[in-house]
């Protein structure tokens, strides 16, 4: 049904019985799961927003020193973070490819794509842990500087949500293994794709924030009223 047809409808007039098939059809089975996912994404957004607001407020104290902006700071040249971003982007793209393959009824290839996406997320988490170790070796430990503390905190929370996504992927792979209906598998993968894309966007925000110079962070704090 086109949008123009929908706009021309007159629902206030009496309709013949059974005239609107949409009223006779039950809602799609994935609606409750999709609603739950949206609620989860809103909750995660609130959590990260609160962390970021506290970071901006904390940045106005004298002992806060950004991790970028000067040659001797660890993220003045964030090459490793760019590599990690590429890994997470690849995971999101491969997950989307799994959904496309399912629409083409290529279940085996889609299952392999889900496994590949999970592997890339694990690689991303290992790469993040390597950055933690590099920061610790360079003297930017968890308690050395509030900016460092926030980097560990934000990336850890982001990583926990990725691990939660991996648990969901195991559930999806179980459906592949049990050879459940294509519709059920596709609805599950669709939800995982949404979650993966969302976490990638969250990572981009964190990446931009943690590699910002002191002047940029001060400007953001001023915009937020700090």
Protein backbone atom coordinates (compact mmCIF):
# COMPACT_ATOMS: atom_id res chain seq x y z
CA UNK A 1 0.00 0.00 0.00
CA UNK A 2 1.48 3.37 -1.03
CA UNK A 3 1.66 6.33 1.31
CA UNK A 4 -0.65 8.32 -0.96
CA UNK A 5 -3.34 5.63 -0.74
CA UNK A 6 -2.99 5.62 3.02
CA UNK A 7 -3.36 9.41 3.20
CA UNK A 8 -6.54 9.29 1.09
CA UNK A 9 -8.25 6.84 3.43
CA UNK A 10 -11.30 8.00 5.40
CA UNK A 11 -11.28 5.93 8.59
CA UNK A 12 -14.14 7.92 10.08
CA UNK A 13 -16.53 6.48 7.48
CA UNK A 14 -18.13 3.09 7.90
CA UNK A 15 -16.06 0.36 6.30
CA UNK A 16 -17.36 -2.95 4.99
CA UNK A 17 -16.53 -5.88 7.19
CA UNK A 18 -13.05 -7.14 6.40
CA UNK A 19 -12.26 -4.09 4.22
CA UNK A 20 -8.99 -3.35 5.98
CA UNK A 21 -6.81 -6.48 5.93
CA UNK A 22 -4.34 -4.84 8.30
CA UNK A 23 -6.94 -5.01 11.07
CA UNK A 24 -7.39 -8.72 10.52
CA UNK A 25 -3.73 -9.62 10.56
CA UNK A 26 -1.94 -10.20 13.87
CA UNK A 27 1.08 -8.00 14.53
CA UNK A 28 4.41 -9.46 13.39
CA UNK A 29 5.92 -11.85 15.93
CA UNK A 30 9.10 -9.78 16.18
CA UNK A 31 7.32 -6.67 17.47
CA UNK A 32 7.76 -7.44 21.21
CA UNK A 33 11.48 -8.13 20.67
CA UNK A 34 11.88 -5.00 18.60
CA UNK A 35 10.14 -2.92 21.26
CA UNK A 36 12.40 -4.42 23.93
CA UNK A 37 15.46 -3.62 21.83
CA UNK A 38 14.36 -0.01 21.38
CA UNK A 39 13.86 0.30 25.12
CA UNK A 40 17.34 -1.16 25.66
CA UNK A 41 18.91 1.26 23.19
CA UNK A 42 17.23 4.23 24.87
CA UNK A 43 18.53 3.02 28.24
CA UNK A 44 22.07 2.60 26.91
CA UNK A 45 21.90 6.06 25.34
CA UNK A 46 20.91 7.57 28.68
CA UNK A 47 23.77 5.76 30.46
CA UNK A 48 26.41 6.93 28.01
CA UNK A 49 24.96 10.44 27.96
CA UNK A 50 25.27 10.66 31.73
CA UNK A 51 28.86 9.43 31.61
CA UNK A 52 29.73 11.98 28.94
CA UNK A 53 28.07 14.81 30.86
CA UNK A 54 30.00 13.93 34.00
CA UNK A 55 33.21 13.81 31.94
CA UNK A 56 32.56 17.29 30.55
CA UNK A 57 31.83 18.61 34.03
CA UNK A 58 34.94 16.94 35.46
CA UNK A 59 37.04 18.39 32.64
CA UNK A 60 36.64 21.87 34.09
CA UNK A 61 38.71 20.99 37.15
CA UNK A 62 42.42 21.69 37.14
CA UNK A 63 43.65 18.10 37.36
CA UNK A 64 41.91 17.02 34.12
CA UNK A 65 44.26 16.69 31.16
CA UNK A 66 43.00 15.55 27.77
CA UNK A 67 44.65 12.56 26.10
CA UNK A 68 45.19 14.37 22.79
CA UNK A 69 46.26 17.77 21.52
CA UNK A 70 49.97 17.62 22.35
CA UNK A 71 52.70 15.46 20.72
CA UNK A 72 53.52 13.61 23.95
CA UNK A 73 49.93 12.59 24.66
CA UNK A 74 48.87 9.02 23.75
CA UNK A 75 46.00 9.89 21.41
CA UNK A 76 47.58 12.80 19.57
CA UNK A 77 48.15 10.23 16.82
CA UNK A 78 45.33 7.70 17.39
CA UNK A 79 46.37 5.26 14.67
CA UNK A 80 45.57 2.20 16.76
CA UNK A 81 42.14 3.56 17.58
CA UNK A 82 41.51 4.06 13.87
CA UNK A 83 42.40 0.42 13.26
CA UNK A 84 40.01 -0.62 16.01
CA UNK A 85 37.30 1.53 14.46
CA UNK A 86 37.86 -0.22 11.14
CA UNK A 87 37.52 -3.62 12.82
CA UNK A 88 34.24 -2.66 14.46
CA UNK A 89 32.95 -1.19 11.20
CA UNK A 90 33.82 -4.41 9.41
CA UNK A 91 31.90 -6.39 12.03
CA UNK A 92 28.85 -4.19 11.53
CA UNK A 93 29.08 -4.52 7.73
CA UNK A 94 29.43 -8.30 7.89
CA UNK A 95 26.43 -8.52 10.22
CA UNK A 96 24.39 -6.51 7.74
CA UNK A 97 25.59 -8.84 4.99
CA UNK A 98 24.16 -11.75 6.99
CA UNK A 99 20.74 -10.11 6.85
CA UNK A 100 21.04 -9.56 3.10
CA UNK A 101 22.02 -13.21 2.61
CA UNK A 102 19.00 -14.35 4.62
CA UNK A 103 16.72 -12.28 2.40
CA UNK A 104 18.26 -14.20 -0.49
CA UNK A 105 17.51 -17.44 1.42
CA UNK A 106 21.20 -18.30 1.74
CA UNK A 107 21.11 -19.54 5.31
CA UNK A 108 24.50 -21.26 5.38
CA UNK A 109 26.31 -18.20 4.06
CA UNK A 110 24.38 -16.01 6.51
CA UNK A 111 25.44 -18.22 9.42
CA UNK A 112 29.07 -17.89 8.36
CA UNK A 113 28.64 -14.11 8.20
CA UNK A 114 27.28 -14.07 11.76
CA UNK A 115 30.29 -16.10 12.92
CA UNK A 116 32.61 -13.71 11.08
CA UNK A 117 30.99 -10.70 12.70
CA UNK A 118 31.39 -12.27 16.14
CA UNK A 119 35.04 -13.01 15.43
CA UNK A 120 35.65 -9.38 14.43
CA UNK A 121 34.05 -8.16 17.67
CA UNK A 122 36.34 -10.42 19.68
CA UNK A 123 39.27 -9.03 17.70
CA UNK A 124 38.09 -5.50 18.49
CA UNK A 125 37.91 -6.28 22.21
CA UNK A 126 41.40 -7.77 22.19
CA UNK A 127 42.69 -4.69 20.36
CA UNK A 128 41.03 -2.47 22.96
CA UNK A 129 42.72 -4.43 25.74
CA UNK A 130 46.05 -3.95 23.95
CA UNK A 131 45.47 -0.18 24.01
CA UNK A 132 44.77 -0.38 27.73
CA UNK A 133 48.13 -2.08 28.21
CA UNK A 134 49.89 0.52 26.06
CA UNK A 135 48.37 3.34 28.09
CA UNK A 136 49.40 1.68 31.35
CA UNK A 137 52.97 1.23 30.08
CA UNK A 138 53.09 4.88 28.96
CA UNK A 139 52.09 6.06 32.43
CA UNK A 140 48.41 6.71 31.71
CA UNK A 141 46.87 4.23 34.12
CA UNK A 142 43.35 4.20 35.46
CA UNK A 143 44.10 6.58 38.32
CA UNK A 144 46.84 8.70 36.78
CA UNK A 145 44.49 11.27 35.25
CA UNK A 146 40.69 11.73 35.22
CA UNK A 147 40.74 11.67 31.41
CA UNK A 148 42.46 8.28 31.49
CA UNK A 149 39.95 7.02 34.05
CA UNK A 150 37.07 8.03 31.79
CA UNK A 151 38.69 6.34 28.81
CA UNK A 152 38.94 3.05 30.69
CA UNK A 153 35.41 3.44 32.03
CA UNK A 154 33.73 4.32 28.73
CA UNK A 155 35.53 1.70 26.68
CA UNK A 156 34.85 -0.93 29.35
CA UNK A 157 31.13 -0.17 29.38
CA UNK A 158 31.09 -0.23 25.58
CA UNK A 159 32.91 -3.55 25.62
CA UNK A 160 30.42 -5.04 28.08
CA UNK A 161 27.60 -4.17 25.70
CA UNK A 162 29.49 -5.81 22.86
CA UNK A 163 29.87 -8.95 24.97
CA UNK A 164 26.13 -8.86 25.53
CA UNK A 165 25.72 -8.71 21.77
CA UNK A 166 27.93 -11.77 21.41
CA UNK A 167 25.59 -13.67 23.74
CA UNK A 168 22.71 -12.68 21.45
CA UNK A 169 24.69 -13.93 18.44
CA UNK A 170 25.11 -17.31 20.13
CA UNK A 171 21.34 -17.46 20.46
CA UNK A 172 21.00 -16.63 16.75
CA UNK A 173 23.51 -19.32 15.81
CA UNK A 174 21.49 -21.78 17.91
CA UNK A 175 18.49 -21.00 15.72
CA UNK A 176 20.60 -21.67 12.64
CA UNK A 177 21.74 -24.98 14.15
CA UNK A 178 18.20 -26.02 15.01
CA UNK A 179 17.12 -25.10 11.48
CA UNK A 180 14.28 -22.93 12.69
CA UNK A 181 12.07 -21.07 10.24
CA UNK A 182 13.70 -18.51 7.99
CA UNK A 183 11.34 -15.80 9.26
CA UNK A 184 12.39 -16.34 12.90
CA UNK A 185 16.07 -16.35 12.06
CA UNK A 186 15.73 -13.26 9.90
CA UNK A 187 13.89 -11.32 12.61
CA UNK A 188 16.62 -12.20 15.13
CA UNK A 189 19.42 -11.17 12.77
CA UNK A 190 17.57 -7.93 11.98
CA UNK A 191 17.58 -7.03 15.66
CA UNK A 192 21.28 -7.88 15.96
CA UNK A 193 22.06 -5.70 12.95
CA UNK A 194 20.30 -2.75 14.61
CA UNK A 195 22.22 -3.35 17.84
CA UNK A 196 25.55 -3.67 16.01
CA UNK A 197 25.04 -0.46 14.03
CA UNK A 198 24.02 1.34 17.21
CA UNK A 199 27.13 0.27 19.12
CA UNK A 200 29.29 1.36 16.20
CA UNK A 201 27.75 4.84 16.34
CA UNK A 202 28.32 4.93 20.11
CA UNK A 203 31.96 4.02 19.52
CA UNK A 204 32.33 6.88 17.01
CA UNK A 205 31.07 9.32 19.64
CA UNK A 206 33.47 7.93 22.25
CA UNK A 207 36.34 7.96 19.76
CA UNK A 208 35.71 11.59 18.86
CA UNK A 209 35.43 12.62 22.51
CA UNK A 210 38.49 10.81 23.85
CA UNK A 211 40.75 12.02 21.02
CA UNK A 212 39.67 15.65 21.40
CA UNK A 213 42.09 18.29 22.59
CA UNK A 214 41.59 20.25 25.80
CA UNK A 215 40.24 23.25 23.90
CA UNK A 216 37.63 21.12 22.13
CA UNK A 217 36.53 19.50 25.37
CA UNK A 218 36.30 22.93 27.01
CA UNK A 219 34.13 24.15 24.14
CA UNK A 220 31.81 21.15 24.49
CA UNK A 221 31.63 21.71 28.25
CA UNK A 222 30.71 25.35 27.69
CA UNK A 223 27.94 24.35 25.31
CA UNK A 224 26.57 22.06 28.02
CA UNK A 225 26.66 24.86 30.59
CA UNK A 226 29.74 23.84 32.57
